[in-house]
């Protein structure tokens, strides 16, 4: 897995966690 692909997947995961948390709040 390229570093760029890992970074994109990690960013998408963090974005999703933040949005889910905002939805919970």
PDBML (XML) file of the C-alpha atoms, coordinates in Angstrom:
<?xml version="1.0" encoding="UTF-8" ?>
<PDBx:datablock datablockName="MODEL"
   xmlns:PDBx="http://pdbml.pdb.org/schema/pdbx-v50.xsd"
   xmlns:xsi="http://www.w3.org/2001/XMLSchema-instance"
   xsi:schemaLocation="http://pdbml.pdb.org/schema/pdbx-v50.xsd pdbx-v50.xsd">
   <PDBx:atom_siteCategory>
      <PDBx:atom_site id="1">
         <PDBx:B_iso_or_equiv>0.00</PDBx:B_iso_or_equiv>
         <PDBx:Cartn_x>0.000</PDBx:Cartn_x>
         <PDBx:Cartn_y>0.000</PDBx:Cartn_y>
         <PDBx:Cartn_z>0.000</PDBx:Cartn_z>
         <PDBx:auth_asym_id>A</PDBx:auth_asym_id>
         <PDBx:auth_atom_id>CA</PDBx:auth_atom_id>
         <PDBx:auth_comp_id>UNK</PDBx:auth_comp_id>
         <PDBx:auth_seq_id>1</PDBx:auth_seq_id>
         <PDBx:group_PDB>ATOM</PDBx:group_PDB>
         <PDBx:label_alt_id xsi:nil="true" />
         <PDBx:label_asym_id>A</PDBx:label_asym_id>
         <PDBx:label_atom_id>CA</PDBx:label_atom_id>
         <PDBx:label_comp_id>UNK</PDBx:label_comp_id>
         <PDBx:label_entity_id>1</PDBx:label_entity_id>
         <PDBx:label_seq_id>1</PDBx:label_seq_id>
         <PDBx:occupancy>1.00</PDBx:occupancy>
         <PDBx:pdbx_PDB_model_num>1</PDBx:pdbx_PDB_model_num>
         <PDBx:type_symbol>C</PDBx:type_symbol>
      </PDBx:atom_site>
      <PDBx:atom_site id="2">
         <PDBx:B_iso_or_equiv>0.00</PDBx:B_iso_or_equiv>
         <PDBx:Cartn_x>1.472</PDBx:Cartn_x>
         <PDBx:Cartn_y>3.290</PDBx:Cartn_y>
         <PDBx:Cartn_z>-0.994</PDBx:Cartn_z>
         <PDBx:auth_asym_id>A</PDBx:auth_asym_id>
         <PDBx:auth_atom_id>CA</PDBx:auth_atom_id>
         <PDBx:auth_comp_id>UNK</PDBx:auth_comp_id>
         <PDBx:auth_seq_id>2</PDBx:auth_seq_id>
         <PDBx:group_PDB>ATOM</PDBx:group_PDB>
         <PDBx:label_alt_id xsi:nil="true" />
         <PDBx:label_asym_id>A</PDBx:label_asym_id>
         <PDBx:label_atom_id>CA</PDBx:label_atom_id>
         <PDBx:label_comp_id>UNK</PDBx:label_comp_id>
         <PDBx:label_entity_id>1</PDBx:label_entity_id>
         <PDBx:label_seq_id>2</PDBx:label_seq_id>
         <PDBx:occupancy>1.00</PDBx:occupancy>
         <PDBx:pdbx_PDB_model_num>1</PDBx:pdbx_PDB_model_num>
         <PDBx:type_symbol>C</PDBx:type_symbol>
      </PDBx:atom_site>
      <PDBx:atom_site id="3">
         <PDBx:B_iso_or_equiv>0.00</PDBx:B_iso_or_equiv>
         <PDBx:Cartn_x>1.983</PDBx:Cartn_x>
         <PDBx:Cartn_y>5.947</PDBx:Cartn_y>
         <PDBx:Cartn_z>1.613</PDBx:Cartn_z>
         <PDBx:auth_asym_id>A</PDBx:auth_asym_id>
         <PDBx:auth_atom_id>CA</PDBx:auth_atom_id>
         <PDBx:auth_comp_id>UNK</PDBx:auth_comp_id>
         <PDBx:auth_seq_id>3</PDBx:auth_seq_id>
         <PDBx:group_PDB>ATOM</PDBx:group_PDB>
         <PDBx:label_alt_id xsi:nil="true" />
         <PDBx:label_asym_id>A</PDBx:label_asym_id>
         <PDBx:label_atom_id>CA</PDBx:label_atom_id>
         <PDBx:label_comp_id>UNK</PDBx:label_comp_id>
         <PDBx:label_entity_id>1</PDBx:label_entity_id>
         <PDBx:label_seq_id>3</PDBx:label_seq_id>
         <PDBx:occupancy>1.00</PDBx:occupancy>
         <PDBx:pdbx_PDB_model_num>1</PDBx:pdbx_PDB_model_num>
         <PDBx:type_symbol>C</PDBx:type_symbol>
      </PDBx:atom_site>
      <PDBx:atom_site id="4">
         <PDBx:B_iso_or_equiv>0.00</PDBx:B_iso_or_equiv>
         <PDBx:Cartn_x>-0.382</PDBx:Cartn_x>
         <PDBx:Cartn_y>8.253</PDBx:Cartn_y>
         <PDBx:Cartn_z>-0.250</PDBx:Cartn_z>
         <PDBx:auth_asym_id>A</PDBx:auth_asym_id>
         <PDBx:auth_atom_id>CA</PDBx:auth_atom_id>
         <PDBx:auth_comp_id>UNK</PDBx:auth_comp_id>
         <PDBx:auth_seq_id>4</PDBx:auth_seq_id>
         <PDBx:group_PDB>ATOM</PDBx:group_PDB>
         <PDBx:label_alt_id xsi:nil="true" />
         <PDBx:label_asym_id>A</PDBx:label_asym_id>
         <PDBx:label_atom_id>CA</PDBx:label_atom_id>
         <PDBx:label_comp_id>UNK</PDBx:label_comp_id>
         <PDBx:label_entity_id>1</PDBx:label_entity_id>
         <PDBx:label_seq_id>4</PDBx:label_seq_id>
         <PDBx:occupancy>1.00</PDBx:occupancy>
         <PDBx:pdbx_PDB_model_num>1</PDBx:pdbx_PDB_model_num>
         <PDBx:type_symbol>C</PDBx:type_symbol>
      </PDBx:atom_site>
      <PDBx:atom_site id="5">
         <PDBx:B_iso_or_equiv>0.00</PDBx:B_iso_or_equiv>
         <PDBx:Cartn_x>-3.166</PDBx:Cartn_x>
         <PDBx:Cartn_y>5.635</PDBx:Cartn_y>
         <PDBx:Cartn_z>-0.253</PDBx:Cartn_z>
         <PDBx:auth_asym_id>A</PDBx:auth_asym_id>
         <PDBx:auth_atom_id>CA</PDBx:auth_atom_id>
         <PDBx:auth_comp_id>UNK</PDBx:auth_comp_id>
         <PDBx:auth_seq_id>5</PDBx:auth_seq_id>
         <PDBx:group_PDB>ATOM</PDBx:group_PDB>
         <PDBx:label_alt_id xsi:nil="true" />
         <PDBx:label_asym_id>A</PDBx:label_asym_id>
         <PDBx:label_atom_id>CA</PDBx:label_atom_id>
         <PDBx:label_comp_id>UNK</PDBx:label_comp_id>
         <PDBx:label_entity_id>1</PDBx:label_entity_id>
         <PDBx:label_seq_id>5</PDBx:label_seq_id>
         <PDBx:occupancy>1.00</PDBx:occupancy>
         <PDBx:pdbx_PDB_model_num>1</PDBx:pdbx_PDB_model_num>
         <PDBx:type_symbol>C</PDBx:type_symbol>
      </PDBx:atom_site>
      <PDBx:atom_site id="6">
         <PDBx:B_iso_or_equiv>0.00</PDBx:B_iso_or_equiv>
         <PDBx:Cartn_x>-2.642</PDBx:Cartn_x>
         <PDBx:Cartn_y>4.965</PDBx:Cartn_y>
         <PDBx:Cartn_z>3.453</PDBx:Cartn_z>
         <PDBx:auth_asym_id>A</PDBx:auth_asym_id>
         <PDBx:auth_atom_id>CA</PDBx:auth_atom_id>
         <PDBx:auth_comp_id>UNK</PDBx:auth_comp_id>
         <PDBx:auth_seq_id>6</PDBx:auth_seq_id>
         <PDBx:group_PDB>ATOM</PDBx:group_PDB>
         <PDBx:label_alt_id xsi:nil="true" />
         <PDBx:label_asym_id>A</PDBx:label_asym_id>
         <PDBx:label_atom_id>CA</PDBx:label_atom_id>
         <PDBx:label_comp_id>UNK</PDBx:label_comp_id>
         <PDBx:label_entity_id>1</PDBx:label_entity_id>
         <PDBx:label_seq_id>6</PDBx:label_seq_id>
         <PDBx:occupancy>1.00</PDBx:occupancy>
         <PDBx:pdbx_PDB_model_num>1</PDBx:pdbx_PDB_model_num>
         <PDBx:type_symbol>C</PDBx:type_symbol>
      </PDBx:atom_site>
      <PDBx:atom_site id="7">
         <PDBx:B_iso_or_equiv>0.00</PDBx:B_iso_or_equiv>
         <PDBx:Cartn_x>-2.858</PDBx:Cartn_x>
         <PDBx:Cartn_y>8.684</PDBx:Cartn_y>
         <PDBx:Cartn_z>4.186</PDBx:Cartn_z>
         <PDBx:auth_asym_id>A</PDBx:auth_asym_id>
         <PDBx:auth_atom_id>CA</PDBx:auth_atom_id>
         <PDBx:auth_comp_id>UNK</PDBx:auth_comp_id>
         <PDBx:auth_seq_id>7</PDBx:auth_seq_id>
         <PDBx:group_PDB>ATOM</PDBx:group_PDB>
         <PDBx:label_alt_id xsi:nil="true" />
         <PDBx:label_asym_id>A</PDBx:label_asym_id>
         <PDBx:label_atom_id>CA</PDBx:label_atom_id>
         <PDBx:label_comp_id>UNK</PDBx:label_comp_id>
         <PDBx:label_entity_id>1</PDBx:label_entity_id>
         <PDBx:label_seq_id>7</PDBx:label_seq_id>
         <PDBx:occupancy>1.00</PDBx:occupancy>
         <PDBx:pdbx_PDB_model_num>1</PDBx:pdbx_PDB_model_num>
         <PDBx:type_symbol>C</PDBx:type_symbol>
      </PDBx:atom_site>
      <PDBx:atom_site id="8">
         <PDBx:B_iso_or_equiv>0.00</PDBx:B_iso_or_equiv>
         <PDBx:Cartn_x>-6.058</PDBx:Cartn_x>
         <PDBx:Cartn_y>9.058</PDBx:Cartn_y>
         <PDBx:Cartn_z>2.157</PDBx:Cartn_z>
         <PDBx:auth_asym_id>A</PDBx:auth_asym_id>
         <PDBx:auth_atom_id>CA</PDBx:auth_atom_id>
         <PDBx:auth_comp_id>UNK</PDBx:auth_comp_id>
         <PDBx:auth_seq_id>8</PDBx:auth_seq_id>
         <PDBx:group_PDB>ATOM</PDBx:group_PDB>
         <PDBx:label_alt_id xsi:nil="true" />
         <PDBx:label_asym_id>A</PDBx:label_asym_id>
         <PDBx:label_atom_id>CA</PDBx:label_atom_id>
         <PDBx:label_comp_id>UNK</PDBx:label_comp_id>
         <PDBx:label_entity_id>1</PDBx:label_entity_id>
         <PDBx:label_seq_id>8</PDBx:label_seq_id>
         <PDBx:occupancy>1.00</PDBx:occupancy>
         <PDBx:pdbx_PDB_model_num>1</PDBx:pdbx_PDB_model_num>
         <PDBx:type_symbol>C</PDBx:type_symbol>
      </PDBx:atom_site>
      <PDBx:atom_site id="9">
         <PDBx:B_iso_or_equiv>0.00</PDBx:B_iso_or_equiv>
         <PDBx:Cartn_x>-7.684</PDBx:Cartn_x>
         <PDBx:Cartn_y>6.106</PDBx:Cartn_y>
         <PDBx:Cartn_z>3.917</PDBx:Cartn_z>
         <PDBx:auth_asym_id>A</PDBx:auth_asym_id>
         <PDBx:auth_atom_id>CA</PDBx:auth_atom_id>
         <PDBx:auth_comp_id>UNK</PDBx:auth_comp_id>
         <PDBx:auth_seq_id>9</PDBx:auth_seq_id>
         <PDBx:group_PDB>ATOM</PDBx:group_PDB>
         <PDBx:label_alt_id xsi:nil="true" />
         <PDBx:label_asym_id>A</PDBx:label_asym_id>
         <PDBx:label_atom_id>CA</PDBx:label_atom_id>
         <PDBx:label_comp_id>UNK</PDBx:label_comp_id>
         <PDBx:label_entity_id>1</PDBx:label_entity_id>
         <PDBx:label_seq_id>9</PDBx:label_seq_id>
         <PDBx:occupancy>1.00</PDBx:occupancy>
         <PDBx:pdbx_PDB_model_num>1</PDBx:pdbx_PDB_model_num>
         <PDBx:type_symbol>C</PDBx:type_symbol>
      </PDBx:atom_site>
      <PDBx:atom_site id="10">
         <PDBx:B_iso_or_equiv>0.00</PDBx:B_iso_or_equiv>
         <PDBx:Cartn_x>-6.623</PDBx:Cartn_x>
         <PDBx:Cartn_y>7.415</PDBx:Cartn_y>
         <PDBx:Cartn_z>7.331</PDBx:Cartn_z>
         <PDBx:auth_asym_id>A</PDBx:auth_asym_id>
         <PDBx:auth_atom_id>CA</PDBx:auth_atom_id>
         <PDBx:auth_comp_id>UNK</PDBx:auth_comp_id>
         <PDBx:auth_seq_id>10</PDBx:auth_seq_id>
         <PDBx:group_PDB>ATOM</PDBx:group_PDB>
         <PDBx:label_alt_id xsi:nil="true" />
         <PDBx:label_asym_id>A</PDBx:label_asym_id>
         <PDBx:label_atom_id>CA</PDBx:label_atom_id>
         <PDBx:label_comp_id>UNK</PDBx:label_comp_id>
         <PDBx:label_entity_id>1</PDBx:label_entity_id>
         <PDBx:label_seq_id>10</PDBx:label_seq_id>
         <PDBx:occupancy>1.00</PDBx:occupancy>
         <PDBx:pdbx_PDB_model_num>1</PDBx:pdbx_PDB_model_num>
         <PDBx:type_symbol>C</PDBx:type_symbol>
      </PDBx:atom_site>
      <PDBx:atom_site id="11">
         <PDBx:B_iso_or_equiv>0.00</PDBx:B_iso_or_equiv>
         <PDBx:Cartn_x>-7.958</PDBx:Cartn_x>
         <PDBx:Cartn_y>10.876</PDBx:Cartn_y>
         <PDBx:Cartn_z>6.526</PDBx:Cartn_z>
         <PDBx:auth_asym_id>A</PDBx:auth_asym_id>
         <PDBx:auth_atom_id>CA</PDBx:auth_atom_id>
         <PDBx:auth_comp_id>UNK</PDBx:auth_comp_id>
         <PDBx:auth_seq_id>11</PDBx:auth_seq_id>
         <PDBx:group_PDB>ATOM</PDBx:group_PDB>
         <PDBx:label_alt_id xsi:nil="true" />
         <PDBx:label_asym_id>A</PDBx:label_asym_id>
         <PDBx:label_atom_id>CA</PDBx:label_atom_id>
         <PDBx:label_comp_id>UNK</PDBx:label_comp_id>
         <PDBx:label_entity_id>1</PDBx:label_entity_id>
         <PDBx:label_seq_id>11</PDBx:label_seq_id>
         <PDBx:occupancy>1.00</PDBx:occupancy>
         <PDBx:pdbx_PDB_model_num>1</PDBx:pdbx_PDB_model_num>
         <PDBx:type_symbol>C</PDBx:type_symbol>
      </PDBx:atom_site>
      <PDBx:atom_site id="12">
         <PDBx:B_iso_or_equiv>0.00</PDBx:B_iso_or_equiv>
         <PDBx:Cartn_x>-11.281</PDBx:Cartn_x>
         <PDBx:Cartn_y>9.435</PDBx:Cartn_y>
         <PDBx:Cartn_z>5.360</PDBx:Cartn_z>
         <PDBx:auth_asym_id>A</PDBx:auth_asym_id>
         <PDBx:auth_atom_id>CA</PDBx:auth_atom_id>
         <PDBx:auth_comp_id>UNK</PDBx:auth_comp_id>
         <PDBx:auth_seq_id>12</PDBx:auth_seq_id>
         <PDBx:group_PDB>ATOM</PDBx:group_PDB>
         <PDBx:label_alt_id xsi:nil="true" />
         <PDBx:label_asym_id>A</PDBx:label_asym_id>
         <PDBx:label_atom_id>CA</PDBx:label_atom_id>
         <PDBx:label_comp_id>UNK</PDBx:label_comp_id>
         <PDBx:label_entity_id>1</PDBx:label_entity_id>
         <PDBx:label_seq_id>12</PDBx:label_seq_id>
         <PDBx:occupancy>1.00</PDBx:occupancy>
         <PDBx:pdbx_PDB_model_num>1</PDBx:pdbx_PDB_model_num>
         <PDBx:type_symbol>C</PDBx:type_symbol>
      </PDBx:atom_site>
      <PDBx:atom_site id="13">
         <PDBx:B_iso_or_equiv>0.00</PDBx:B_iso_or_equiv>
         <PDBx:Cartn_x>-11.522</PDBx:Cartn_x>
         <PDBx:Cartn_y>7.372</PDBx:Cartn_y>
         <PDBx:Cartn_z>8.552</PDBx:Cartn_z>
         <PDBx:auth_asym_id>A</PDBx:auth_asym_id>
         <PDBx:auth_atom_id>CA</PDBx:auth_atom_id>
         <PDBx:auth_comp_id>UNK</PDBx:auth_comp_id>
         <PDBx:auth_seq_id>13</PDBx:auth_seq_id>
         <PDBx:group_PDB>ATOM</PDBx:group_PDB>
         <PDBx:label_alt_id xsi:nil="true" />
         <PDBx:label_asym_id>A</PDBx:label_asym_id>
         <PDBx:label_atom_id>CA</PDBx:label_atom_id>
         <PDBx:label_comp_id>UNK</PDBx:label_comp_id>
         <PDBx:label_entity_id>1</PDBx:label_entity_id>
         <PDBx:label_seq_id>13</PDBx:label_seq_id>
         <PDBx:occupancy>1.00</PDBx:occupancy>
         <PDBx:pdbx_PDB_model_num>1</PDBx:pdbx_PDB_model_num>
         <PDBx:type_symbol>C</PDBx:type_symbol>
      </PDBx:atom_site>
      <PDBx:atom_site id="14">
         <PDBx:B_iso_or_equiv>0.00</PDBx:B_iso_or_equiv>
         <PDBx:Cartn_x>-10.795</PDBx:Cartn_x>
         <PDBx:Cartn_y>10.399</PDBx:Cartn_y>
         <PDBx:Cartn_z>10.767</PDBx:Cartn_z>
         <PDBx:auth_asym_id>A</PDBx:auth_asym_id>
         <PDBx:auth_atom_id>CA</PDBx:auth_atom_id>
         <PDBx:auth_comp_id>UNK</PDBx:auth_comp_id>
         <PDBx:auth_seq_id>14</PDBx:auth_seq_id>
         <PDBx:group_PDB>ATOM</PDBx:group_PDB>
         <PDBx:label_alt_id xsi:nil="true" />
         <PDBx:label_asym_id>A</PDBx:label_asym_id>
         <PDBx:label_atom_id>CA</PDBx:label_atom_id>
         <PDBx:label_comp_id>UNK</PDBx:label_comp_id>
         <PDBx:label_entity_id>1</PDBx:label_entity_id>
         <PDBx:label_seq_id>14</PDBx:label_seq_id>
         <PDBx:occupancy>1.00</PDBx:occupancy>
         <PDBx:pdbx_PDB_model_num>1</PDBx:pdbx_PDB_model_num>
         <PDBx:type_symbol>C</PDBx:type_symbol>
      </PDBx:atom_site>
      <PDBx:atom_site id="15">
         <PDBx:B_iso_or_equiv>0.00</PDBx:B_iso_or_equiv>
         <PDBx:Cartn_x>-13.287</PDBx:Cartn_x>
         <PDBx:Cartn_y>12.481</PDBx:Cartn_y>
         <PDBx:Cartn_z>8.803</PDBx:Cartn_z>
         <PDBx:auth_asym_id>A</PDBx:auth_asym_id>
         <PDBx:auth_atom_id>CA</PDBx:auth_atom_id>
         <PDBx:auth_comp_id>UNK</PDBx:auth_comp_id>
         <PDBx:auth_seq_id>15</PDBx:auth_seq_id>
         <PDBx:group_PDB>ATOM</PDBx:group_PDB>
         <PDBx:label_alt_id xsi:nil="true" />
         <PDBx:label_asym_id>A</PDBx:label_asym_id>
         <PDBx:label_atom_id>CA</PDBx:label_atom_id>
         <PDBx:label_comp_id>UNK</PDBx:label_comp_id>
         <PDBx:label_entity_id>1</PDBx:label_entity_id>
         <PDBx:label_seq_id>15</PDBx:label_seq_id>
         <PDBx:occupancy>1.00</PDBx:occupancy>
         <PDBx:pdbx_PDB_model_num>1</PDBx:pdbx_PDB_model_num>
         <PDBx:type_symbol>C</PDBx:type_symbol>
      </PDBx:atom_site>
      <PDBx:atom_site id="16">
         <PDBx:B_iso_or_equiv>0.00</PDBx:B_iso_or_equiv>
         <PDBx:Cartn_x>-15.908</PDBx:Cartn_x>
         <PDBx:Cartn_y>9.781</PDBx:Cartn_y>
         <PDBx:Cartn_z>9.307</PDBx:Cartn_z>
         <PDBx:auth_asym_id>A</PDBx:auth_asym_id>
         <PDBx:auth_atom_id>CA</PDBx:auth_atom_id>
         <PDBx:auth_comp_id>UNK</PDBx:auth_comp_id>
         <PDBx:auth_seq_id>16</PDBx:auth_seq_id>
         <PDBx:group_PDB>ATOM</PDBx:group_PDB>
         <PDBx:label_alt_id xsi:nil="true" />
         <PDBx:label_asym_id>A</PDBx:label_asym_id>
         <PDBx:label_atom_id>CA</PDBx:label_atom_id>
         <PDBx:label_comp_id>UNK</PDBx:label_comp_id>
         <PDBx:label_entity_id>1</PDBx:label_entity_id>
         <PDBx:label_seq_id>16</PDBx:label_seq_id>
         <PDBx:occupancy>1.00</PDBx:occupancy>
         <PDBx:pdbx_PDB_model_num>1</PDBx:pdbx_PDB_model_num>
         <PDBx:type_symbol>C</PDBx:type_symbol>
      </PDBx:atom_site>
      <PDBx:atom_site id="17">
         <PDBx:B_iso_or_equiv>0.00</PDBx:B_iso_or_equiv>
         <PDBx:Cartn_x>-15.243</PDBx:Cartn_x>
         <PDBx:Cartn_y>9.488</PDBx:Cartn_y>
         <PDBx:Cartn_z>13.028</PDBx:Cartn_z>
         <PDBx:auth_asym_id>A</PDBx:auth_asym_id>
         <PDBx:auth_atom_id>CA</PDBx:auth_atom_id>
         <PDBx:auth_comp_id>UNK</PDBx:auth_comp_id>
         <PDBx:auth_seq_id>17</PDBx:auth_seq_id>
         <PDBx:group_PDB>ATOM</PDBx:group_PDB>
         <PDBx:label_alt_id xsi:nil="true" />
         <PDBx:label_asym_id>A</PDBx:label_asym_id>
         <PDBx:label_atom_id>CA</PDBx:label_atom_id>
         <PDBx:label_comp_id>UNK</PDBx:label_comp_id>
         <PDBx:label_entity_id>1</PDBx:label_entity_id>
         <PDBx:label_seq_id>17</PDBx:label_seq_id>
         <PDBx:occupancy>1.00</PDBx:occupancy>
         <PDBx:pdbx_PDB_model_num>1</PDBx:pdbx_PDB_model_num>
         <PDBx:type_symbol>C</PDBx:type_symbol>
      </PDBx:atom_site>
      <PDBx:atom_site id="18">
         <PDBx:B_iso_or_equiv>0.00</PDBx:B_iso_or_equiv>
         <PDBx:Cartn_x>-15.521</PDBx:Cartn_x>
         <PDBx:Cartn_y>13.251</PDBx:Cartn_y>
         <PDBx:Cartn_z>13.442</PDBx:Cartn_z>
         <PDBx:auth_asym_id>A</PDBx:auth_asym_id>
         <PDBx:auth_atom_id>CA</PDBx:auth_atom_id>
         <PDBx:auth_comp_id>UNK</PDBx:auth_comp_id>
         <PDBx:auth_seq_id>18</PDBx:auth_seq_id>
         <PDBx:group_PDB>ATOM</PDBx:group_PDB>
         <PDBx:label_alt_id xsi:nil="true" />
         <PDBx:label_asym_id>A</PDBx:label_asym_id>
         <PDBx:label_atom_id>CA</PDBx:label_atom_id>
         <PDBx:label_comp_id>UNK</PDBx:label_comp_id>
         <PDBx:label_entity_id>1</PDBx:label_entity_id>
         <PDBx:label_seq_id>18</PDBx:label_seq_id>
         <PDBx:occupancy>1.00</PDBx:occupancy>
         <PDBx:pdbx_PDB_model_num>1</PDBx:pdbx_PDB_model_num>
         <PDBx:type_symbol>C</PDBx:type_symbol>
      </PDBx:atom_site>
      <PDBx:atom_site id="19">
         <PDBx:B_iso_or_equiv>0.00</PDBx:B_iso_or_equiv>
         <PDBx:Cartn_x>-18.761</PDBx:Cartn_x>
         <PDBx:Cartn_y>13.401</PDBx:Cartn_y>
         <PDBx:Cartn_z>11.491</PDBx:Cartn_z>
         <PDBx:auth_asym_id>A</PDBx:auth_asym_id>
         <PDBx:auth_atom_id>CA</PDBx:auth_atom_id>
         <PDBx:auth_comp_id>UNK</PDBx:auth_comp_id>
         <PDBx:auth_seq_id>19</PDBx:auth_seq_id>
         <PDBx:group_PDB>ATOM</PDBx:group_PDB>
         <PDBx:label_alt_id xsi:nil="true" />
         <PDBx:label_asym_id>A</PDBx:label_asym_id>
         <PDBx:label_atom_id>CA</PDBx:label_atom_id>
         <PDBx:label_comp_id>UNK</PDBx:label_comp_id>
         <PDBx:label_entity_id>1</PDBx:label_entity_id>
         <PDBx:label_seq_id>19</PDBx:label_seq_id>
         <PDBx:occupancy>1.00</PDBx:occupancy>
         <PDBx:pdbx_PDB_model_num>1</PDBx:pdbx_PDB_model_num>
         <PDBx:type_symbol>C</PDBx:type_symbol>
      </PDBx:atom_site>
      <PDBx:atom_site id="20">
         <PDBx:B_iso_or_equiv>0.00</PDBx:B_iso_or_equiv>
         <PDBx:Cartn_x>-20.220</PDBx:Cartn_x>
         <PDBx:Cartn_y>10.485</PDBx:Cartn_y>
         <PDBx:Cartn_z>13.450</PDBx:Cartn_z>
         <PDBx:auth_asym_id>A</PDBx:auth_asym_id>
         <PDBx:auth_atom_id>CA</PDBx:auth_atom_id>
         <PDBx:auth_comp_id>UNK</PDBx:auth_comp_id>
         <PDBx:auth_seq_id>20</PDBx:auth_seq_id>
         <PDBx:group_PDB>ATOM</PDBx:group_PDB>
         <PDBx:label_alt_id xsi:nil="true" />
         <PDBx:label_asym_id>A</PDBx:label_asym_id>
         <PDBx:label_atom_id>CA</PDBx:label_atom_id>
         <PDBx:label_comp_id>UNK</PDBx:label_comp_id>
         <PDBx:label_entity_id>1</PDBx:label_entity_id>
         <PDBx:label_seq_id>20</PDBx:label_seq_id>
         <PDBx:occupancy>1.00</PDBx:occupancy>
         <PDBx:pdbx_PDB_model_num>1</PDBx:pdbx_PDB_model_num>
         <PDBx:type_symbol>C</PDBx:type_symbol>
      </PDBx:atom_site>
      <PDBx:atom_site id="21">
         <PDBx:B_iso_or_equiv>0.00</PDBx:B_iso_or_equiv>
         <PDBx:Cartn_x>-19.222</PDBx:Cartn_x>
         <PDBx:Cartn_y>12.176</PDBx:Cartn_y>
         <PDBx:Cartn_z>16.726</PDBx:Cartn_z>
         <PDBx:auth_asym_id>A</PDBx:auth_asym_id>
         <PDBx:auth_atom_id>CA</PDBx:auth_atom_id>
         <PDBx:auth_comp_id>UNK</PDBx:auth_comp_id>
         <PDBx:auth_seq_id>21</PDBx:auth_seq_id>
         <PDBx:group_PDB>ATOM</PDBx:group_PDB>
         <PDBx:label_alt_id xsi:nil="true" />
         <PDBx:label_asym_id>A</PDBx:label_asym_id>
         <PDBx:label_atom_id>CA</PDBx:label_atom_id>
         <PDBx:label_comp_id>UNK</PDBx:label_comp_id>
         <PDBx:label_entity_id>1</PDBx:label_entity_id>
         <PDBx:label_seq_id>21</PDBx:label_seq_id>
         <PDBx:occupancy>1.00</PDBx:occupancy>
         <PDBx:pdbx_PDB_model_num>1</PDBx:pdbx_PDB_model_num>
         <PDBx:type_symbol>C</PDBx:type_symbol>
      </PDBx:atom_site>
      <PDBx:atom_site id="22">
         <PDBx:B_iso_or_equiv>0.00</PDBx:B_iso_or_equiv>
         <PDBx:Cartn_x>-20.838</PDBx:Cartn_x>
         <PDBx:Cartn_y>15.411</PDBx:Cartn_y>
         <PDBx:Cartn_z>15.580</PDBx:Cartn_z>
         <PDBx:auth_asym_id>A</PDBx:auth_asym_id>
         <PDBx:auth_atom_id>CA</PDBx:auth_atom_id>
         <PDBx:auth_comp_id>UNK</PDBx:auth_comp_id>
         <PDBx:auth_seq_id>22</PDBx:auth_seq_id>
         <PDBx:group_PDB>ATOM</PDBx:group_PDB>
         <PDBx:label_alt_id xsi:nil="true" />
         <PDBx:label_asym_id>A</PDBx:label_asym_id>
         <PDBx:label_atom_id>CA</PDBx:label_atom_id>
         <PDBx:label_comp_id>UNK</PDBx:label_comp_id>
         <PDBx:label_entity_id>1</PDBx:label_entity_id>
         <PDBx:label_seq_id>22</PDBx:label_seq_id>
         <PDBx:occupancy>1.00</PDBx:occupancy>
         <PDBx:pdbx_PDB_model_num>1</PDBx:pdbx_PDB_model_num>
         <PDBx:type_symbol>C</PDBx:type_symbol>
      </PDBx:atom_site>
      <PDBx:atom_site id="23">
         <PDBx:B_iso_or_equiv>0.00</PDBx:B_iso_or_equiv>
         <PDBx:Cartn_x>-23.992</PDBx:Cartn_x>
         <PDBx:Cartn_y>13.467</PDBx:Cartn_y>
         <PDBx:Cartn_z>14.786</PDBx:Cartn_z>
         <PDBx:auth_asym_id>A</PDBx:auth_asym_id>
         <PDBx:auth_atom_id>CA</PDBx:auth_atom_id>
         <PDBx:auth_comp_id>UNK</PDBx:auth_comp_id>
         <PDBx:auth_seq_id>23</PDBx:auth_seq_id>
         <PDBx:group_PDB>ATOM</PDBx:group_PDB>
         <PDBx:label_alt_id xsi:nil="true" />
         <PDBx:label_asym_id>A</PDBx:label_asym_id>
         <PDBx:label_atom_id>CA</PDBx:label_atom_id>
         <PDBx:label_comp_id>UNK</PDBx:label_comp_id>
         <PDBx:label_entity_id>1</PDBx:label_entity_id>
         <PDBx:label_seq_id>23</PDBx:label_seq_id>
         <PDBx:occupancy>1.00</PDBx:occupancy>
         <PDBx:pdbx_PDB_model_num>1</PDBx:pdbx_PDB_model_num>
         <PDBx:type_symbol>C</PDBx:type_symbol>
      </PDBx:atom_site>
      <PDBx:atom_site id="24">
         <PDBx:B_iso_or_equiv>0.00</PDBx:B_iso_or_equiv>
         <PDBx:Cartn_x>-23.930</PDBx:Cartn_x>
         <PDBx:Cartn_y>11.969</PDBx:Cartn_y>
         <PDBx:Cartn_z>18.269</PDBx:Cartn_z>
         <PDBx:auth_asym_id>A</PDBx:auth_asym_id>
         <PDBx:auth_atom_id>CA</PDBx:auth_atom_id>
         <PDBx:auth_comp_id>UNK</PDBx:auth_comp_id>
         <PDBx:auth_seq_id>24</PDBx:auth_seq_id>
         <PDBx:group_PDB>ATOM</PDBx:group_PDB>
         <PDBx:label_alt_id xsi:nil="true" />
         <PDBx:label_asym_id>A</PDBx:label_asym_id>
         <PDBx:label_atom_id>CA</PDBx:label_atom_id>
         <PDBx:label_comp_id>UNK</PDBx:label_comp_id>
         <PDBx:label_entity_id>1</PDBx:label_entity_id>
         <PDBx:label_seq_id>24</PDBx:label_seq_id>
         <PDBx:occupancy>1.00</PDBx:occupancy>
         <PDBx:pdbx_PDB_model_num>1</PDBx:pdbx_PDB_model_num>
         <PDBx:type_symbol>C</PDBx:type_symbol>
      </PDBx:atom_site>
      <PDBx:atom_site id="25">
         <PDBx:B_iso_or_equiv>0.00</PDBx:B_iso_or_equiv>
         <PDBx:Cartn_x>-23.538</PDBx:Cartn_x>
         <PDBx:Cartn_y>15.402</PDBx:Cartn_y>
         <PDBx:Cartn_z>19.859</PDBx:Cartn_z>
         <PDBx:auth_asym_id>A</PDBx:auth_asym_id>
         <PDBx:auth_atom_id>CA</PDBx:auth_atom_id>
         <PDBx:auth_comp_id>UNK</PDBx:auth_comp_id>
         <PDBx:auth_seq_id>25</PDBx:auth_seq_id>
         <PDBx:group_PDB>ATOM</PDBx:group_PDB>
         <PDBx:label_alt_id xsi:nil="true" />
         <PDBx:label_asym_id>A</PDBx:label_asym_id>
         <PDBx:label_atom_id>CA</PDBx:label_atom_id>
         <PDBx:label_comp_id>UNK</PDBx:label_comp_id>
         <PDBx:label_entity_id>1</PDBx:label_entity_id>
         <PDBx:label_seq_id>25</PDBx:label_seq_id>
         <PDBx:occupancy>1.00</PDBx:occupancy>
         <PDBx:pdbx_PDB_model_num>1</PDBx:pdbx_PDB_model_num>
         <PDBx:type_symbol>C</PDBx:type_symbol>
      </PDBx:atom_site>
   </PDBx:atom_siteCategory>
</PDBx:datablock>
